[in-house]
Amino acid sequence: MAQNDLVSVTIVTYNSGRFIKRCLESVLAQRYPHKEIIVVDNASNDGTIDILEQFEDRCQVYYNDDNIGFAAAQNQAIRLSNGDWVLTLNPDVLLLPNFIQALVDRSEEHTSELQSLRH
């Protein structure tokens, strides 16, 4: 993973109003600049949609008419992504500000180690 690789963060919500705002804020606060955030809502009816609407200018938010299930919605989000890498999150996860950067850094170290073993 190079320092300019796009990381797609995918999140599926269903009645996640208690958690989703803080989750999205933690993803948006990531210091790694090359990211896209894709949220698929599975027909929430608890106010989650009202919260997601506040993030539509900074995230790609898709609203399903029916709850198609977690796995199908996560696959939907991954299909919509453009990233070189995909980080799937549950809506109750909070990331420390350097989380994605640490993943990128570690993958570069691992890639370098593998390349040196091949030669």
C-alpha atoms as a PDB file:
ATOM      1  CA  MET A   1       0.000   0.000   0.000  1.00  0.00           C
ATOM      2  CA  ALA A   2       1.544   3.266  -1.045  1.00  0.00           C
ATOM      3  CA  GLN A   3       1.112   6.498   0.877  1.00  0.00           C
ATOM      4  CA  ASN A   4      -1.217   7.804  -1.831  1.00  0.00           C
ATOM      5  CA  ASP A   5      -3.396   4.693  -2.159  1.00  0.00           C
ATOM      6  CA  LEU A   6      -7.094   5.368  -1.739  1.00  0.00           C
ATOM      7  CA  VAL A   7      -8.612   3.648   1.292  1.00  0.00           C
ATOM      8  CA  SER A   8     -12.362   3.038   1.095  1.00  0.00           C
ATOM      9  CA  VAL A   9     -14.076   2.881   4.468  1.00  0.00           C
ATOM     10  CA  THR A  10     -17.404   1.054   4.246  1.00  0.00           C
ATOM     11  CA  ILE A  11     -20.053   1.099   6.956  1.00  0.00           C
ATOM     12  CA  VAL A  12     -23.479  -0.576   7.022  1.00  0.00           C
ATOM     13  CA  THR A  13     -26.108   0.926   9.305  1.00  0.00           C
ATOM     14  CA  TYR A  14     -29.415  -0.331  10.574  1.00  0.00           C
ATOM     15  CA  ASN A  15     -30.974   1.564  13.471  1.00  0.00           C
ATOM     16  CA  SER A  16     -27.499   2.722  14.469  1.00  0.00           C
ATOM     17  CA  GLY A  17     -28.530   6.189  15.623  1.00  0.00           C
ATOM     18  CA  ARG A  18     -26.821   5.784  18.996  1.00  0.00           C
ATOM     19  CA  PHE A  19     -23.413   5.208  17.396  1.00  0.00           C
ATOM     20  CA  ILE A  20     -23.104   6.397  13.816  1.00  0.00           C
ATOM     21  CA  LYS A  21     -22.358  10.087  14.387  1.00  0.00           C
ATOM     22  CA  ARG A  22     -19.305   9.414  16.554  1.00  0.00           C
ATOM     23  CA  CYS A  23     -18.158   6.653  14.221  1.00  0.00           C
ATOM     24  CA  LEU A  24     -18.285   8.897  11.163  1.00  0.00           C
ATOM     25  CA  GLU A  25     -16.622  11.760  13.026  1.00  0.00           C
ATOM     26  CA  SER A  26     -13.751   9.436  13.973  1.00  0.00           C
ATOM     27  CA  VAL A  27     -13.336   8.307  10.359  1.00  0.00           C
ATOM     28  CA  LEU A  28     -13.477  11.875   9.048  1.00  0.00           C
ATOM     29  CA  ALA A  29     -10.832  12.877  11.623  1.00  0.00           C
ATOM     30  CA  GLN A  30      -8.332  10.388  10.224  1.00  0.00           C
ATOM     31  CA  ARG A  31      -5.007  11.998   9.403  1.00  0.00           C
ATOM     32  CA  TYR A  32      -4.585   9.816   6.329  1.00  0.00           C
ATOM     33  CA  PRO A  33      -5.887  12.083   3.535  1.00  0.00           C
ATOM     34  CA  HIS A  34      -6.637   9.594   0.750  1.00  0.00           C
ATOM     35  CA  LYS A  35      -9.904   8.040   1.857  1.00  0.00           C
ATOM     36  CA  GLU A  36     -13.509   7.765   0.835  1.00  0.00           C
ATOM     37  CA  ILE A  37     -16.320   6.896   3.198  1.00  0.00           C
ATOM     38  CA  ILE A  38     -19.267   4.855   1.962  1.00  0.00           C
ATOM     39  CA  VAL A  39     -22.289   4.274   4.170  1.00  0.00           C
ATOM     40  CA  VAL A  40     -25.171   1.992   3.234  1.00  0.00           C
ATOM     41  CA  ASP A  41     -28.260   2.296   5.402  1.00  0.00           C
ATOM     42  CA  ASN A  42     -30.507  -0.765   5.555  1.00  0.00           C
ATOM     43  CA  ALA A  43     -33.864   1.039   5.938  1.00  0.00           C
ATOM     44  CA  SER A  44     -33.327   2.383   9.459  1.00  0.00           C
ATOM     45  CA  ASN A  45     -36.341   3.758  11.297  1.00  0.00           C
ATOM     46  CA  ASP A  46     -34.768   5.088  14.509  1.00  0.00           C
ATOM     47  CA  GLY A  47     -33.435   8.472  13.362  1.00  0.00           C
ATOM     48  CA  THR A  48     -30.240   7.126  11.806  1.00  0.00           C
ATOM     49  CA  ILE A  49     -31.247   8.653   8.466  1.00  0.00           C
ATOM     50  CA  ASP A  50     -31.520  12.129  10.021  1.00  0.00           C
ATOM     51  CA  ILE A  51     -27.964  11.772  11.312  1.00  0.00           C
ATOM     52  CA  LEU A  52     -26.609  10.422   8.011  1.00  0.00           C
ATOM     53  CA  GLU A  53     -28.086  13.374   6.118  1.00  0.00           C
ATOM     54  CA  GLN A  54     -25.712  15.629   8.082  1.00  0.00           C
ATOM     55  CA  PHE A  55     -22.745  13.769   6.547  1.00  0.00           C
ATOM     56  CA  GLU A  56     -23.851  13.596   2.916  1.00  0.00           C
ATOM     57  CA  ASP A  57     -21.450  16.396   1.951  1.00  0.00           C
ATOM     58  CA  ARG A  58     -18.451  14.429   3.284  1.00  0.00           C
ATOM     59  CA  CYS A  59     -19.502  10.812   2.752  1.00  0.00           C
ATOM     60  CA  GLN A  60     -21.232   8.785   0.083  1.00  0.00           C
ATOM     61  CA  VAL A  61     -24.486   7.715   1.705  1.00  0.00           C
ATOM     62  CA  TYR A  62     -26.878   5.223   0.123  1.00  0.00           C
ATOM     63  CA  TYR A  63     -30.317   4.449   1.485  1.00  0.00           C
ATOM     64  CA  ASN A  64     -31.815   1.026   0.843  1.00  0.00           C
ATOM     65  CA  ASP A  65     -35.614   0.792   0.721  1.00  0.00           C
ATOM     66  CA  ASP A  66     -35.476  -2.547   2.537  1.00  0.00           C
ATOM     67  CA  ASN A  67     -33.136  -4.200   4.990  1.00  0.00           C
ATOM     68  CA  ILE A  68     -31.194  -6.497   2.683  1.00  0.00           C
ATOM     69  CA  GLY A  69     -29.012  -7.838   5.500  1.00  0.00           C
ATOM     70  CA  PHE A  70     -25.539  -6.946   6.676  1.00  0.00           C
ATOM     71  CA  ALA A  71     -23.496  -9.030   4.241  1.00  0.00           C
ATOM     72  CA  ALA A  72     -25.452  -7.954   1.156  1.00  0.00           C
ATOM     73  CA  ALA A  73     -25.247  -4.289   2.184  1.00  0.00           C
ATOM     74  CA  GLN A  74     -21.526  -4.571   2.895  1.00  0.00           C
ATOM     75  CA  ASN A  75     -21.016  -6.140  -0.539  1.00  0.00           C
ATOM     76  CA  GLN A  76     -23.058  -3.271  -1.999  1.00  0.00           C
ATOM     77  CA  ALA A  77     -20.766  -0.748  -0.306  1.00  0.00           C
ATOM     78  CA  ILE A  78     -17.641  -2.546  -1.513  1.00  0.00           C
ATOM     79  CA  ARG A  79     -18.964  -2.580  -5.097  1.00  0.00           C
ATOM     80  CA  LEU A  80     -19.502   1.185  -4.843  1.00  0.00           C
ATOM     81  CA  SER A  81     -15.976   1.781  -3.576  1.00  0.00           C
ATOM     82  CA  ASN A  82     -13.057   3.037  -5.648  1.00  0.00           C
ATOM     83  CA  GLY A  83     -10.265   2.362  -3.190  1.00  0.00           C
ATOM     84  CA  ASP A  84      -7.108   0.348  -3.566  1.00  0.00           C
ATOM     85  CA  TRP A  85      -7.956  -0.975  -0.098  1.00  0.00           C
ATOM     86  CA  VAL A  86     -11.240  -1.452   1.754  1.00  0.00           C
ATOM     87  CA  LEU A  87     -11.663  -1.059   5.500  1.00  0.00           C
ATOM     88  CA  THR A  88     -15.026  -2.385   6.662  1.00  0.00           C
ATOM     89  CA  LEU A  89     -16.327  -0.976   9.934  1.00  0.00           C
ATOM     90  CA  ASN A  90     -19.329  -1.528  12.131  1.00  0.00           C
ATOM     91  CA  PRO A  91     -21.145   1.679  13.094  1.00  0.00           C
ATOM     92  CA  ASP A  92     -20.193   1.372  16.767  1.00  0.00           C
ATOM     93  CA  VAL A  93     -16.449   1.559  16.058  1.00  0.00           C
ATOM     94  CA  LEU A  94     -14.365   4.599  16.975  1.00  0.00           C
ATOM     95  CA  LEU A  95     -10.959   5.024  15.345  1.00  0.00           C
ATOM     96  CA  LEU A  96      -7.992   6.826  16.815  1.00  0.00           C
ATOM     97  CA  PRO A  97      -6.826   9.610  14.452  1.00  0.00           C
ATOM     98  CA  ASN A  98      -3.795   7.683  13.148  1.00  0.00           C
ATOM     99  CA  PHE A  99      -5.532   4.322  12.656  1.00  0.00           C
ATOM    100  CA  ILE A 100      -5.652   4.294   8.843  1.00  0.00           C
ATOM    101  CA  GLN A 101      -2.157   5.801   8.598  1.00  0.00           C
ATOM    102  CA  ALA A 102      -0.841   3.010  10.848  1.00  0.00           C
ATOM    103  CA  LEU A 103      -2.433   0.401   8.560  1.00  0.00           C
ATOM    104  CA  VAL A 104      -0.857   2.024   5.508  1.00  0.00           C
ATOM    105  CA  ASP A 105       2.548   2.236   7.196  1.00  0.00           C
ATOM    106  CA  ARG A 106       2.446  -1.382   8.338  1.00  0.00           C
ATOM    107  CA  SER A 107       1.392  -2.666   4.940  1.00  0.00           C
ATOM    108  CA  GLU A 108       4.303  -0.801   3.341  1.00  0.00           C
ATOM    109  CA  GLU A 109       6.712  -2.382   5.833  1.00  0.00           C
ATOM    110  CA  HIS A 110       5.225  -5.807   5.115  1.00  0.00           C
ATOM    111  CA  THR A 111       5.415  -5.267   1.350  1.00  0.00           C
ATOM    112  CA  SER A 112       9.084  -4.232   1.627  1.00  0.00           C
ATOM    113  CA  GLU A 113       9.836  -7.327   3.712  1.00  0.00           C
ATOM    114  CA  LEU A 114       8.181  -9.593   1.146  1.00  0.00           C
ATOM    115  CA  GLN A 115      10.032  -7.957  -1.746  1.00  0.00           C
ATOM    116  CA  SER A 116      13.392  -8.382   0.009  1.00  0.00           C
ATOM    117  CA  LEU A 117      12.649 -12.088   0.576  1.00  0.00           C
ATOM    118  CA  ARG A 118      11.958 -12.581  -3.129  1.00  0.00           C
ATOM    119  CA  HIS A 119      15.363 -11.208  -4.174  1.00  0.00           C
END
